[in-house]
Amino acid sequence: MECGSKGRLGASNAYSILRKYWEPRVCDSVKNMKSFRDGSGVVFDIKSDHFDNFIDNFARLKETGDRIDFDVVKCTDLPDIDDDAGYGVSQNWRD
């Protein structure tokens, strides 16, 4: 999840966005959220059985014309994150 403008998006803001636009069972499936080192977004794990609905919901949000100033994409490469210990170390449960 990335900021659409030149603002900053940290984990607490991202969780607020998730709670606002997605149903609780989807929000509860988000784990291992980490901020990008540059503060422009976050990366997180979501269970594979929730992924398609998660992306479909985002597409509907964008179509409504509501003020959506963030973007959601599936990572193909892990961005530079703000975590000295690494990403998902010993807690990686992704499918």
N, C-alpha and C. Protein backbone atom coordinates (compact mmCIF):
# COMPACT_ATOMS: atom_id res chain seq x y z
N MET A 1 0.86 -1.16 0.00
CA MET A 1 0.00 0.00 0.00
C MET A 1 0.91 1.22 0.00
N GLU A 2 0.66 2.12 -0.94
CA GLU A 2 1.50 3.30 -1.08
C GLU A 2 0.66 4.56 -1.06
N CYS A 3 1.27 5.64 -0.59
CA CYS A 3 0.66 6.96 -0.61
C CYS A 3 0.48 7.39 -2.06
N GLY A 4 -0.69 7.91 -2.38
CA GLY A 4 -0.92 8.39 -3.73
C GLY A 4 -0.29 9.75 -3.97
N SER A 5 -0.16 10.55 -2.95
CA SER A 5 0.47 11.86 -3.07
C SER A 5 1.87 11.78 -2.52
N LYS A 6 2.48 12.91 -2.26
CA LYS A 6 3.84 12.91 -1.74
C LYS A 6 3.86 12.86 -0.22
N GLY A 7 2.78 12.39 0.39
CA GLY A 7 2.71 12.29 1.84
C GLY A 7 3.43 11.06 2.36
N ARG A 8 3.21 10.81 3.63
CA ARG A 8 3.82 9.65 4.28
C ARG A 8 2.71 8.70 4.69
N LEU A 9 3.01 7.41 4.67
CA LEU A 9 2.05 6.40 5.08
C LEU A 9 2.77 5.38 5.93
N GLY A 10 2.48 5.38 7.22
CA GLY A 10 3.07 4.43 8.13
C GLY A 10 2.09 3.33 8.48
N ALA A 11 2.52 2.40 9.29
CA ALA A 11 1.70 1.24 9.64
C ALA A 11 0.41 1.65 10.34
N SER A 12 0.44 2.59 11.28
CA SER A 12 -0.79 2.96 11.99
C SER A 12 -1.80 3.59 11.05
N ASN A 13 -1.33 4.43 10.10
CA ASN A 13 -2.23 5.02 9.12
C ASN A 13 -2.79 3.94 8.19
N ALA A 14 -1.96 3.00 7.79
CA ALA A 14 -2.40 1.93 6.91
C ALA A 14 -3.46 1.07 7.58
N TYR A 15 -3.27 0.75 8.86
CA TYR A 15 -4.30 -0.02 9.57
C TYR A 15 -5.60 0.76 9.66
N SER A 16 -5.53 2.06 9.83
CA SER A 16 -6.74 2.89 9.85
C SER A 16 -7.46 2.83 8.51
N ILE A 17 -6.70 2.89 7.43
CA ILE A 17 -7.29 2.79 6.09
C ILE A 17 -7.94 1.42 5.91
N LEU A 18 -7.25 0.37 6.33
CA LEU A 18 -7.80 -0.98 6.20
C LEU A 18 -9.12 -1.10 6.96
N ARG A 19 -9.14 -0.60 8.19
CA ARG A 19 -10.38 -0.69 8.99
C ARG A 19 -11.51 0.13 8.38
N LYS A 20 -11.18 1.22 7.72
CA LYS A 20 -12.21 2.08 7.12
C LYS A 20 -12.83 1.45 5.88
N TYR A 21 -12.02 0.81 5.03
CA TYR A 21 -12.50 0.36 3.73
C TYR A 21 -12.68 -1.15 3.57
N TRP A 22 -12.15 -1.94 4.47
CA TRP A 22 -12.27 -3.40 4.35
C TRP A 22 -12.98 -3.96 5.57
N GLU A 23 -13.64 -5.09 5.39
CA GLU A 23 -14.36 -5.71 6.49
C GLU A 23 -13.38 -6.32 7.50
N PRO A 24 -13.82 -6.47 8.75
CA PRO A 24 -12.92 -6.93 9.82
C PRO A 24 -12.20 -8.24 9.55
N ARG A 25 -12.86 -9.21 8.94
CA ARG A 25 -12.19 -10.50 8.72
C ARG A 25 -11.01 -10.35 7.78
N VAL A 26 -11.08 -9.42 6.84
CA VAL A 26 -9.95 -9.17 5.95
C VAL A 26 -8.85 -8.43 6.70
N CYS A 27 -9.22 -7.41 7.46
CA CYS A 27 -8.23 -6.66 8.25
C CYS A 27 -7.50 -7.57 9.22
N ASP A 28 -8.22 -8.49 9.83
CA ASP A 28 -7.62 -9.41 10.79
C ASP A 28 -6.65 -10.38 10.13
N SER A 29 -6.75 -10.56 8.81
CA SER A 29 -5.85 -11.48 8.12
C SER A 29 -4.54 -10.81 7.69
N VAL A 30 -4.43 -9.49 7.89
CA VAL A 30 -3.21 -8.76 7.54
C VAL A 30 -2.19 -8.95 8.66
N LYS A 31 -0.99 -9.39 8.30
CA LYS A 31 0.07 -9.65 9.27
C LYS A 31 1.39 -9.08 8.77
N ASN A 32 2.35 -8.97 9.65
CA ASN A 32 3.74 -8.60 9.32
C ASN A 32 3.85 -7.26 8.59
N MET A 33 3.04 -6.27 8.97
CA MET A 33 3.10 -4.98 8.29
C MET A 33 4.39 -4.25 8.64
N LYS A 34 5.08 -3.76 7.61
CA LYS A 34 6.33 -3.02 7.76
C LYS A 34 6.26 -1.78 6.90
N SER A 35 6.82 -0.67 7.38
CA SER A 35 6.86 0.58 6.63
C SER A 35 8.02 0.58 5.65
N PHE A 36 7.83 1.24 4.51
CA PHE A 36 8.93 1.47 3.59
C PHE A 36 9.93 2.39 4.29
N ARG A 37 11.18 2.24 4.00
CA ARG A 37 12.20 3.07 4.62
C ARG A 37 11.98 4.56 4.31
N ASP A 38 11.48 4.87 3.11
CA ASP A 38 11.25 6.28 2.75
C ASP A 38 9.92 6.82 3.25
N GLY A 39 9.13 5.98 3.93
CA GLY A 39 7.87 6.42 4.51
C GLY A 39 6.72 6.57 3.53
N SER A 40 6.90 6.16 2.30
CA SER A 40 5.86 6.35 1.29
C SER A 40 4.79 5.26 1.28
N GLY A 41 4.93 4.24 2.12
CA GLY A 41 3.95 3.18 2.13
C GLY A 41 4.32 2.06 3.08
N VAL A 42 3.57 0.98 2.96
CA VAL A 42 3.78 -0.19 3.80
C VAL A 42 3.68 -1.45 2.95
N VAL A 43 4.23 -2.51 3.46
CA VAL A 43 4.11 -3.83 2.86
C VAL A 43 3.59 -4.75 3.95
N PHE A 44 2.76 -5.72 3.56
CA PHE A 44 2.20 -6.64 4.55
C PHE A 44 1.84 -7.95 3.89
N ASP A 45 1.68 -8.96 4.71
CA ASP A 45 1.21 -10.27 4.26
C ASP A 45 -0.29 -10.32 4.44
N ILE A 46 -0.96 -10.99 3.52
CA ILE A 46 -2.39 -11.26 3.66
C ILE A 46 -2.60 -12.69 3.20
N LYS A 47 -3.44 -13.42 3.91
CA LYS A 47 -3.68 -14.81 3.54
C LYS A 47 -4.21 -14.90 2.11
N SER A 48 -3.75 -15.90 1.40
CA SER A 48 -4.08 -16.02 -0.02
C SER A 48 -5.58 -16.14 -0.27
N ASP A 49 -6.33 -16.74 0.65
CA ASP A 49 -7.77 -16.87 0.43
C ASP A 49 -8.51 -15.54 0.57
N HIS A 50 -7.86 -14.50 1.08
CA HIS A 50 -8.45 -13.16 1.17
C HIS A 50 -7.93 -12.21 0.09
N PHE A 51 -6.87 -12.60 -0.60
CA PHE A 51 -6.21 -11.67 -1.52
C PHE A 51 -7.11 -11.19 -2.65
N ASP A 52 -7.78 -12.11 -3.36
CA ASP A 52 -8.61 -11.70 -4.49
C ASP A 52 -9.71 -10.73 -4.07
N ASN A 53 -10.39 -11.02 -2.95
CA ASN A 53 -11.42 -10.12 -2.45
C ASN A 53 -10.83 -8.78 -2.04
N PHE A 54 -9.63 -8.80 -1.47
CA PHE A 54 -8.95 -7.58 -1.06
C PHE A 54 -8.70 -6.67 -2.27
N ILE A 55 -8.16 -7.23 -3.33
CA ILE A 55 -7.86 -6.46 -4.55
C ILE A 55 -9.15 -6.03 -5.25
N ASP A 56 -10.16 -6.91 -5.30
CA ASP A 56 -11.45 -6.55 -5.90
C ASP A 56 -12.09 -5.38 -5.17
N ASN A 57 -12.02 -5.39 -3.84
CA ASN A 57 -12.57 -4.29 -3.05
C ASN A 57 -11.84 -2.99 -3.37
N PHE A 58 -10.53 -3.05 -3.51
CA PHE A 58 -9.77 -1.85 -3.84
C PHE A 58 -10.18 -1.31 -5.21
N ALA A 59 -10.37 -2.19 -6.18
CA ALA A 59 -10.80 -1.77 -7.53
C ALA A 59 -12.16 -1.07 -7.46
N ARG A 60 -13.08 -1.60 -6.66
CA ARG A 60 -14.39 -0.95 -6.48
C ARG A 60 -14.25 0.41 -5.83
N LEU A 61 -13.36 0.52 -4.85
CA LEU A 61 -13.13 1.81 -4.19
C LEU A 61 -12.65 2.85 -5.20
N LYS A 62 -11.73 2.47 -6.06
CA LYS A 62 -11.21 3.40 -7.07
C LYS A 62 -12.29 3.82 -8.06
N GLU A 63 -13.21 2.91 -8.39
CA GLU A 63 -14.28 3.20 -9.34
C GLU A 63 -15.33 4.15 -8.76
N THR A 64 -15.51 4.15 -7.46
CA THR A 64 -16.56 4.97 -6.85
C THR A 64 -16.28 6.45 -6.95
N GLY A 65 -15.03 6.81 -7.18
CA GLY A 65 -14.68 8.21 -7.25
C GLY A 65 -14.48 8.82 -5.88
N ASP A 66 -14.63 8.00 -4.84
CA ASP A 66 -14.36 8.47 -3.49
C ASP A 66 -12.91 8.94 -3.42
N ARG A 67 -12.60 9.78 -2.50
CA ARG A 67 -11.24 10.33 -2.38
C ARG A 67 -10.27 9.24 -1.88
N ILE A 68 -9.79 8.44 -2.79
CA ILE A 68 -8.85 7.38 -2.47
C ILE A 68 -7.46 7.88 -2.87
N ASP A 69 -6.65 8.23 -1.87
CA ASP A 69 -5.33 8.78 -2.17
C ASP A 69 -4.21 7.82 -1.79
N PHE A 70 -4.48 6.54 -2.02
CA PHE A 70 -3.48 5.50 -1.79
C PHE A 70 -3.62 4.47 -2.90
N ASP A 71 -2.61 3.66 -3.07
CA ASP A 71 -2.62 2.63 -4.09
C ASP A 71 -2.28 1.29 -3.44
N VAL A 72 -2.83 0.23 -3.97
CA VAL A 72 -2.57 -1.11 -3.47
C VAL A 72 -2.12 -1.97 -4.64
N VAL A 73 -0.97 -2.61 -4.49
CA VAL A 73 -0.46 -3.52 -5.52
C VAL A 73 0.17 -4.72 -4.84
N LYS A 74 0.19 -5.83 -5.56
CA LYS A 74 0.87 -7.02 -5.07
C LYS A 74 2.36 -6.87 -5.34
N CYS A 75 3.17 -7.07 -4.31
CA CYS A 75 4.62 -6.94 -4.46
C CYS A 75 5.18 -8.10 -5.26
N THR A 76 6.08 -7.76 -6.16
CA THR A 76 6.85 -8.79 -6.85
C THR A 76 8.25 -8.83 -6.27
N ASP A 77 8.70 -7.70 -5.74
CA ASP A 77 9.98 -7.58 -5.05
C ASP A 77 9.75 -6.84 -3.75
N LEU A 78 10.43 -7.25 -2.72
CA LEU A 78 10.29 -6.59 -1.42
C LEU A 78 10.97 -5.23 -1.47
N PRO A 79 10.23 -4.16 -1.16
CA PRO A 79 10.84 -2.83 -1.15
C PRO A 79 11.79 -2.67 0.04
N ASP A 80 12.55 -1.61 0.04
CA ASP A 80 13.45 -1.29 1.14
C ASP A 80 12.58 -0.91 2.35
N ILE A 81 12.60 -1.74 3.39
CA ILE A 81 11.72 -1.51 4.54
C ILE A 81 12.50 -0.99 5.74
N ASP A 82 11.75 -0.39 6.64
CA ASP A 82 12.33 0.20 7.84
C ASP A 82 12.30 -0.82 8.98
N ASP A 83 13.18 -1.82 8.87
CA ASP A 83 13.22 -2.87 9.87
C ASP A 83 14.61 -3.50 9.84
N ASP A 84 15.41 -3.19 10.83
CA ASP A 84 16.78 -3.71 10.86
C ASP A 84 16.85 -5.22 10.97
N ALA A 85 15.81 -5.84 11.57
CA ALA A 85 15.81 -7.29 11.76
C ALA A 85 15.39 -8.03 10.50
N GLY A 86 14.89 -7.32 9.51
CA GLY A 86 14.45 -7.98 8.28
C GLY A 86 12.95 -8.12 8.25
N TYR A 87 12.46 -8.74 7.20
CA TYR A 87 11.03 -8.86 6.97
C TYR A 87 10.58 -10.30 7.16
N GLY A 88 9.59 -10.48 8.01
CA GLY A 88 8.99 -11.78 8.17
C GLY A 88 9.88 -12.82 8.80
N VAL A 89 10.97 -12.43 9.43
CA VAL A 89 11.88 -13.38 10.04
C VAL A 89 11.17 -14.12 11.16
N SER A 90 11.11 -15.41 11.07
CA SER A 90 10.51 -16.33 12.04
C SER A 90 9.01 -16.14 12.23
N GLN A 91 8.37 -15.27 11.44
CA GLN A 91 6.92 -15.12 11.58
C GLN A 91 6.24 -15.12 10.22
N ASN A 92 6.91 -15.61 9.22
CA ASN A 92 6.39 -15.60 7.87
C ASN A 92 5.48 -16.80 7.66
N TRP A 93 4.16 -16.52 7.52
CA TRP A 93 3.18 -17.59 7.36
C TRP A 93 2.50 -17.55 6.00
N ARG A 94 3.05 -16.78 5.06
CA ARG A 94 2.41 -16.61 3.76
C ARG A 94 2.24 -17.94 3.04
N ASP A 95 1.15 -17.99 2.22
CA ASP A 95 0.91 -19.16 1.37
C ASP A 95 1.67 -18.99 0.08
